[in-house]
């Protein structure tokens, strides 16, 4: 029980640490929160947290296999992930806001928020290498006794990452109440443009 709790806490620390840097997923979660409110932002964060948990489990169960696979086929994921970023970016940029603080003209924002961040995170399997590095740093591989340790570790990753997204989207939702219509429009355009630029750089790494 003590060992499971230790792996859970280490997983939570790693999950929060990997979720914290600002990237396309963070921009997407922030934008969804500004457009629809805190609940949709949390659901968007849940999508990426679950994907991170899967990557964490894969990294814990087969670090060597992960390194070999990504070194051989990893460049193709730059093309896949970059293309998805281009699509998401232009969709956001072209979307419109109906009123100040109001929702965008899209149906079912909950499902779309969840699937977009889930797929976007899964389209970046190079994140698994980050998990391998972080797990090594906190001594996960030295303490592992077998595959059974991967489960509390991956659950911890989901908890840590999700806690970060709840906190981040909470701050954004608070600031959302202070913004006016023009700021919403500008942020929406900047978010779409930023994600599109991330996509261009990602595809550039493929070539």
C-alpha atoms as a PDB file:
ATOM      1  CA  UNK A   1       0.000   0.000   0.000  1.00  0.00           C
ATOM      2  CA  UNK A   2       2.852   2.360   0.877  1.00  0.00           C
ATOM      3  CA  UNK A   3       4.556   1.554  -2.412  1.00  0.00           C
ATOM      4  CA  UNK A   4       1.361   2.224  -4.401  1.00  0.00           C
ATOM      5  CA  UNK A   5       0.896   5.582  -2.685  1.00  0.00           C
ATOM      6  CA  UNK A   6       4.498   6.518  -3.467  1.00  0.00           C
ATOM      7  CA  UNK A   7       4.044   5.728  -7.160  1.00  0.00           C
ATOM      8  CA  UNK A   8       0.732   7.618  -7.149  1.00  0.00           C
ATOM      9  CA  UNK A   9       2.407  10.727  -5.713  1.00  0.00           C
ATOM     10  CA  UNK A  10       5.351  10.490  -8.106  1.00  0.00           C
ATOM     11  CA  UNK A  11       2.949  10.117 -11.013  1.00  0.00           C
ATOM     12  CA  UNK A  12       0.969  13.166  -9.865  1.00  0.00           C
ATOM     13  CA  UNK A  13       4.147  15.249  -9.649  1.00  0.00           C
ATOM     14  CA  UNK A  14       5.289  14.186 -13.114  1.00  0.00           C
ATOM     15  CA  UNK A  15       1.819  14.681 -14.611  1.00  0.00           C
ATOM     16  CA  UNK A  16       1.556  18.231 -13.288  1.00  0.00           C
ATOM     17  CA  UNK A  17       5.125  19.037 -14.352  1.00  0.00           C
ATOM     18  CA  UNK A  18       4.559  17.917 -17.945  1.00  0.00           C
ATOM     19  CA  UNK A  19       1.167  19.643 -18.181  1.00  0.00           C
ATOM     20  CA  UNK A  20       2.471  22.995 -16.904  1.00  0.00           C
ATOM     21  CA  UNK A  21       4.493  24.289 -19.909  1.00  0.00           C
ATOM     22  CA  UNK A  22       2.497  26.450 -22.315  1.00  0.00           C
ATOM     23  CA  UNK A  23       1.976  24.730 -25.671  1.00  0.00           C
ATOM     24  CA  UNK A  24      -0.814  24.178 -28.200  1.00  0.00           C
ATOM     25  CA  UNK A  25      -2.856  22.055 -25.778  1.00  0.00           C
ATOM     26  CA  UNK A  26      -2.666  24.728 -23.085  1.00  0.00           C
ATOM     27  CA  UNK A  27      -3.660  27.412 -25.587  1.00  0.00           C
ATOM     28  CA  UNK A  28      -6.600  25.273 -26.690  1.00  0.00           C
ATOM     29  CA  UNK A  29      -7.762  24.712 -23.084  1.00  0.00           C
ATOM     30  CA  UNK A  30      -7.481  28.429 -22.322  1.00  0.00           C
ATOM     31  CA  UNK A  31      -9.407  29.328 -25.448  1.00  0.00           C
ATOM     32  CA  UNK A  32     -12.173  26.812 -24.699  1.00  0.00           C
ATOM     33  CA  UNK A  33     -12.508  28.224 -21.189  1.00  0.00           C
ATOM     34  CA  UNK A  34     -12.735  31.794 -22.478  1.00  0.00           C
ATOM     35  CA  UNK A  35     -15.263  30.803 -25.126  1.00  0.00           C
ATOM     36  CA  UNK A  36     -17.564  28.543 -23.099  1.00  0.00           C
ATOM     37  CA  UNK A  37     -16.705  28.797 -19.400  1.00  0.00           C
ATOM     38  CA  UNK A  38     -14.945  26.816 -16.724  1.00  0.00           C
ATOM     39  CA  UNK A  39     -16.814  23.516 -17.116  1.00  0.00           C
ATOM     40  CA  UNK A  40     -15.877  23.154 -20.784  1.00  0.00           C
ATOM     41  CA  UNK A  41     -12.306  24.137 -19.937  1.00  0.00           C
ATOM     42  CA  UNK A  42     -12.166  21.408 -17.283  1.00  0.00           C
ATOM     43  CA  UNK A  43     -13.517  18.833 -19.747  1.00  0.00           C
ATOM     44  CA  UNK A  44     -10.862  19.905 -22.254  1.00  0.00           C
ATOM     45  CA  UNK A  45      -8.238  19.454 -19.543  1.00  0.00           C
ATOM     46  CA  UNK A  46      -9.625  16.006 -18.715  1.00  0.00           C
ATOM     47  CA  UNK A  47      -9.083  14.918 -22.324  1.00  0.00           C
ATOM     48  CA  UNK A  48      -5.391  15.767 -22.303  1.00  0.00           C
ATOM     49  CA  UNK A  49      -4.935  14.416 -18.754  1.00  0.00           C
ATOM     50  CA  UNK A  50      -6.289  10.995 -19.780  1.00  0.00           C
ATOM     51  CA  UNK A  51      -4.013  10.935 -22.822  1.00  0.00           C
ATOM     52  CA  UNK A  52      -1.054  11.834 -20.603  1.00  0.00           C
ATOM     53  CA  UNK A  53      -2.002   8.966 -18.295  1.00  0.00           C
ATOM     54  CA  UNK A  54      -1.842   6.551 -21.229  1.00  0.00           C
ATOM     55  CA  UNK A  55       1.553   7.909 -22.275  1.00  0.00           C
ATOM     56  CA  UNK A  56       2.744   7.594 -18.697  1.00  0.00           C
ATOM     57  CA  UNK A  57       1.706   3.937 -18.560  1.00  0.00           C
ATOM     58  CA  UNK A  58       3.453   3.196 -21.859  1.00  0.00           C
ATOM     59  CA  UNK A  59       6.608   4.965 -20.690  1.00  0.00           C
ATOM     60  CA  UNK A  60       6.621   3.058 -17.399  1.00  0.00           C
ATOM     61  CA  UNK A  61       6.047  -0.344 -19.002  1.00  0.00           C
ATOM     62  CA  UNK A  62       8.530  -0.104 -21.858  1.00  0.00           C
ATOM     63  CA  UNK A  63      11.007   2.751 -21.806  1.00  0.00           C
ATOM     64  CA  UNK A  64      13.475   1.011 -24.114  1.00  0.00           C
ATOM     65  CA  UNK A  65      10.775  -0.002 -26.587  1.00  0.00           C
ATOM     66  CA  UNK A  66       9.414   3.560 -26.614  1.00  0.00           C
ATOM     67  CA  UNK A  67      12.817   5.007 -27.441  1.00  0.00           C
ATOM     68  CA  UNK A  68      13.413   2.489 -30.244  1.00  0.00           C
ATOM     69  CA  UNK A  69       9.949   2.933 -31.784  1.00  0.00           C
ATOM     70  CA  UNK A  70       9.975   6.724 -31.722  1.00  0.00           C
ATOM     71  CA  UNK A  71      13.519   6.930 -33.033  1.00  0.00           C
ATOM     72  CA  UNK A  72      12.411   4.834 -36.037  1.00  0.00           C
ATOM     73  CA  UNK A  73       8.913   6.137 -36.731  1.00  0.00           C
ATOM     74  CA  UNK A  74       8.648   9.270 -34.599  1.00  0.00           C
ATOM     75  CA  UNK A  75       9.094  11.717 -37.489  1.00  0.00           C
ATOM     76  CA  UNK A  76       5.741  10.633 -38.967  1.00  0.00           C
ATOM     77  CA  UNK A  77       3.983  11.849 -35.843  1.00  0.00           C
ATOM     78  CA  UNK A  78       5.302  15.339 -36.531  1.00  0.00           C
ATOM     79  CA  UNK A  79       3.368  15.255 -39.811  1.00  0.00           C
ATOM     80  CA  UNK A  80       0.210  13.857 -38.193  1.00  0.00           C
ATOM     81  CA  UNK A  81       0.302  16.144 -35.182  1.00  0.00           C
ATOM     82  CA  UNK A  82       1.228  19.203 -37.244  1.00  0.00           C
ATOM     83  CA  UNK A  83      -1.620  18.623 -39.683  1.00  0.00           C
ATOM     84  CA  UNK A  84      -4.089  18.312 -36.815  1.00  0.00           C
ATOM     85  CA  UNK A  85      -2.768  21.555 -35.310  1.00  0.00           C
ATOM     86  CA  UNK A  86      -3.252  23.342 -38.644  1.00  0.00           C
ATOM     87  CA  UNK A  87      -6.846  22.115 -38.815  1.00  0.00           C
ATOM     88  CA  UNK A  88      -7.672  23.112 -35.221  1.00  0.00           C
ATOM     89  CA  UNK A  89      -5.958  26.485 -35.609  1.00  0.00           C
ATOM     90  CA  UNK A  90      -7.821  27.532 -38.723  1.00  0.00           C
ATOM     91  CA  UNK A  91     -11.139  26.322 -37.283  1.00  0.00           C
ATOM     92  CA  UNK A  92     -10.642  28.490 -34.202  1.00  0.00           C
ATOM     93  CA  UNK A  93      -9.465  31.493 -36.219  1.00  0.00           C
ATOM     94  CA  UNK A  94     -12.532  31.355 -38.470  1.00  0.00           C
ATOM     95  CA  UNK A  95     -15.027  30.907 -35.610  1.00  0.00           C
ATOM     96  CA  UNK A  96     -17.122  33.844 -34.395  1.00  0.00           C
ATOM     97  CA  UNK A  97     -18.313  35.070 -31.018  1.00  0.00           C
ATOM     98  CA  UNK A  98     -22.015  35.835 -30.745  1.00  0.00           C
ATOM     99  CA  UNK A  99     -21.917  38.234 -27.792  1.00  0.00           C
ATOM    100  CA  UNK A 100     -19.625  39.393 -25.031  1.00  0.00           C
ATOM    101  CA  UNK A 101     -18.673  36.403 -22.961  1.00  0.00           C
ATOM    102  CA  UNK A 102     -21.089  34.263 -24.932  1.00  0.00           C
ATOM    103  CA  UNK A 103     -20.457  30.915 -26.589  1.00  0.00           C
ATOM    104  CA  UNK A 104     -19.057  30.513 -30.054  1.00  0.00           C
ATOM    105  CA  UNK A 105     -21.280  29.285 -32.860  1.00  0.00           C
ATOM    106  CA  UNK A 106     -20.493  25.603 -32.377  1.00  0.00           C
ATOM    107  CA  UNK A 107     -22.652  22.682 -31.310  1.00  0.00           C
ATOM    108  CA  UNK A 108     -21.912  20.410 -28.363  1.00  0.00           C
ATOM    109  CA  UNK A 109     -18.808  22.221 -27.015  1.00  0.00           C
ATOM    110  CA  UNK A 110     -18.348  19.598 -24.280  1.00  0.00           C
ATOM    111  CA  UNK A 111     -17.704  16.668 -26.613  1.00  0.00           C
ATOM    112  CA  UNK A 112     -15.646  18.796 -28.977  1.00  0.00           C
ATOM    113  CA  UNK A 113     -13.504  20.183 -26.159  1.00  0.00           C
ATOM    114  CA  UNK A 114     -12.789  16.683 -24.838  1.00  0.00           C
ATOM    115  CA  UNK A 115     -12.059  15.006 -28.166  1.00  0.00           C
ATOM    116  CA  UNK A 116      -9.948  17.866 -29.538  1.00  0.00           C
ATOM    117  CA  UNK A 117      -7.505  17.892 -26.611  1.00  0.00           C
ATOM    118  CA  UNK A 118      -7.514  14.088 -26.372  1.00  0.00           C
ATOM    119  CA  UNK A 119      -6.663  13.655 -30.063  1.00  0.00           C
ATOM    120  CA  UNK A 120      -4.204  16.534 -30.048  1.00  0.00           C
ATOM    121  CA  UNK A 121      -2.290  14.985 -27.152  1.00  0.00           C
ATOM    122  CA  UNK A 122      -2.374  11.516 -28.711  1.00  0.00           C
ATOM    123  CA  UNK A 123      -1.029  13.061 -31.932  1.00  0.00           C
ATOM    124  CA  UNK A 124       2.130  14.012 -29.996  1.00  0.00           C
ATOM    125  CA  UNK A 125       3.502  10.667 -28.767  1.00  0.00           C
ATOM    126  CA  UNK A 126       6.948  12.236 -28.448  1.00  0.00           C
ATOM    127  CA  UNK A 127       5.589  13.328 -25.055  1.00  0.00           C
ATOM    128  CA  UNK A 128       6.270   9.764 -23.959  1.00  0.00           C
ATOM    129  CA  UNK A 129       9.996  10.534 -24.084  1.00  0.00           C
ATOM    130  CA  UNK A 130       9.398  13.355 -21.599  1.00  0.00           C
ATOM    131  CA  UNK A 131       7.698  10.879 -19.291  1.00  0.00           C
ATOM    132  CA  UNK A 132      10.640   8.492 -19.577  1.00  0.00           C
ATOM    133  CA  UNK A 133      13.015  11.304 -18.663  1.00  0.00           C
ATOM    134  CA  UNK A 134      10.887  12.548 -15.763  1.00  0.00           C
ATOM    135  CA  UNK A 135      10.329   9.039 -14.417  1.00  0.00           C
ATOM    136  CA  UNK A 136      14.081   8.521 -14.452  1.00  0.00           C
ATOM    137  CA  UNK A 137      14.591  11.803 -12.610  1.00  0.00           C
ATOM    138  CA  UNK A 138      12.219  10.907  -9.757  1.00  0.00           C
ATOM    139  CA  UNK A 139      13.597   7.345  -9.505  1.00  0.00           C
ATOM    140  CA  UNK A 140      10.565   5.483 -10.828  1.00  0.00           C
ATOM    141  CA  UNK A 141      12.474   2.845 -12.782  1.00  0.00           C
ATOM    142  CA  UNK A 142      14.785   2.049  -9.862  1.00  0.00           C
ATOM    143  CA  UNK A 143      11.808   1.475  -7.556  1.00  0.00           C
ATOM    144  CA  UNK A 144       9.570  -0.484  -9.944  1.00  0.00           C
ATOM    145  CA  UNK A 145       9.016  -4.134  -9.049  1.00  0.00           C
ATOM    146  CA  UNK A 146       6.894  -5.021 -12.069  1.00  0.00           C
ATOM    147  CA  UNK A 147       4.016  -3.992 -14.355  1.00  0.00           C
ATOM    148  CA  UNK A 148       1.671  -3.686 -11.355  1.00  0.00           C
ATOM    149  CA  UNK A 149       3.443  -0.455 -10.368  1.00  0.00           C
ATOM    150  CA  UNK A 150       2.492   1.180 -13.662  1.00  0.00           C
ATOM    151  CA  UNK A 151      -1.183   1.494 -12.706  1.00  0.00           C
ATOM    152  CA  UNK A 152      -0.875   3.757  -9.643  1.00  0.00           C
ATOM    153  CA  UNK A 153       1.797   5.662 -11.547  1.00  0.00           C
ATOM    154  CA  UNK A 154      -0.439   6.348 -14.559  1.00  0.00           C
ATOM    155  CA  UNK A 155      -3.423   7.177 -12.319  1.00  0.00           C
ATOM    156  CA  UNK A 156      -1.190   9.639 -10.509  1.00  0.00           C
ATOM    157  CA  UNK A 157      -0.242  11.221 -13.831  1.00  0.00           C
ATOM    158  CA  UNK A 158      -3.926  11.757 -14.664  1.00  0.00           C
ATOM    159  CA  UNK A 159      -4.614  13.238 -11.214  1.00  0.00           C
ATOM    160  CA  UNK A 160      -1.618  15.573 -11.338  1.00  0.00           C
ATOM    161  CA  UNK A 161      -2.257  16.744 -14.891  1.00  0.00           C
ATOM    162  CA  UNK A 162      -5.987  17.199 -14.300  1.00  0.00           C
ATOM    163  CA  UNK A 163      -5.345  19.161 -11.090  1.00  0.00           C
ATOM    164  CA  UNK A 164      -3.153  21.532 -13.083  1.00  0.00           C
ATOM    165  CA  UNK A 165      -5.819  22.038 -15.741  1.00  0.00           C
ATOM    166  CA  UNK A 166      -8.510  22.640 -13.101  1.00  0.00           C
ATOM    167  CA  UNK A 167      -6.339  25.330 -11.521  1.00  0.00           C
ATOM    168  CA  UNK A 168      -5.350  26.938 -14.837  1.00  0.00           C
ATOM    169  CA  UNK A 169      -8.863  26.994 -16.269  1.00  0.00           C
ATOM    170  CA  UNK A 170     -10.176  28.277 -12.940  1.00  0.00           C
ATOM    171  CA  UNK A 171      -7.881  31.292 -13.154  1.00  0.00           C
ATOM    172  CA  UNK A 172      -8.856  31.849 -16.794  1.00  0.00           C
ATOM    173  CA  UNK A 173     -12.571  31.550 -15.944  1.00  0.00           C
ATOM    174  CA  UNK A 174     -12.149  34.180 -13.218  1.00  0.00           C
ATOM    175  CA  UNK A 175     -10.409  36.555 -15.629  1.00  0.00           C
ATOM    176  CA  UNK A 176     -13.085  35.774 -18.231  1.00  0.00           C
ATOM    177  CA  UNK A 177     -15.636  37.692 -16.179  1.00  0.00           C
ATOM    178  CA  UNK A 178     -13.477  40.809 -16.458  1.00  0.00           C
ATOM    179  CA  UNK A 179     -13.143  40.730 -20.242  1.00  0.00           C
ATOM    180  CA  UNK A 180     -15.279  42.514 -22.787  1.00  0.00           C
ATOM    181  CA  UNK A 181     -16.421  41.495 -26.246  1.00  0.00           C
ATOM    182  CA  UNK A 182     -13.461  42.978 -28.126  1.00  0.00           C
ATOM    183  CA  UNK A 183     -10.930  41.179 -25.921  1.00  0.00           C
ATOM    184  CA  UNK A 184     -12.751  37.872 -26.504  1.00  0.00           C
ATOM    185  CA  UNK A 185     -12.549  38.376 -30.249  1.00  0.00           C
ATOM    186  CA  UNK A 186      -8.840  39.248 -30.174  1.00  0.00           C
ATOM    187  CA  UNK A 187      -7.949  36.302 -27.927  1.00  0.00           C
ATOM    188  CA  UNK A 188      -9.933  33.936 -30.139  1.00  0.00           C
ATOM    189  CA  UNK A 189      -8.029  35.063 -33.240  1.00  0.00           C
ATOM    190  CA  UNK A 190      -4.657  34.976 -31.473  1.00  0.00           C
ATOM    191  CA  UNK A 191      -5.356  31.473 -30.126  1.00  0.00           C
ATOM    192  CA  UNK A 192      -6.185  30.145 -33.585  1.00  0.00           C
ATOM    193  CA  UNK A 193      -3.135  31.821 -35.117  1.00  0.00           C
ATOM    194  CA  UNK A 194      -0.824  30.519 -32.368  1.00  0.00           C
ATOM    195  CA  UNK A 195      -2.025  26.920 -32.747  1.00  0.00           C
ATOM    196  CA  UNK A 196      -1.696  27.212 -36.546  1.00  0.00           C
ATOM    197  CA  UNK A 197       1.902  28.444 -36.169  1.00  0.00           C
ATOM    198  CA  UNK A 198       2.659  25.544 -33.812  1.00  0.00           C
ATOM    199  CA  UNK A 199       1.367  23.276 -36.575  1.00  0.00           C
ATOM    200  CA  UNK A 200       3.667  24.833 -39.166  1.00  0.00           C
ATOM    201  CA  UNK A 201       6.709  24.387 -36.933  1.00  0.00           C
ATOM    202  CA  UNK A 202       5.705  20.800 -36.158  1.00  0.00           C
ATOM    203  CA  UNK A 203       5.377  19.907 -39.858  1.00  0.00           C
ATOM    204  CA  UNK A 204       8.679  21.695 -40.437  1.00  0.00           C
ATOM    205  CA  UNK A 205      10.332  19.238 -38.041  1.00  0.00           C
ATOM    206  CA  UNK A 206       8.992  16.385 -40.186  1.00  0.00           C
ATOM    207  CA  UNK A 207      10.794  17.737 -43.265  1.00  0.00           C
END
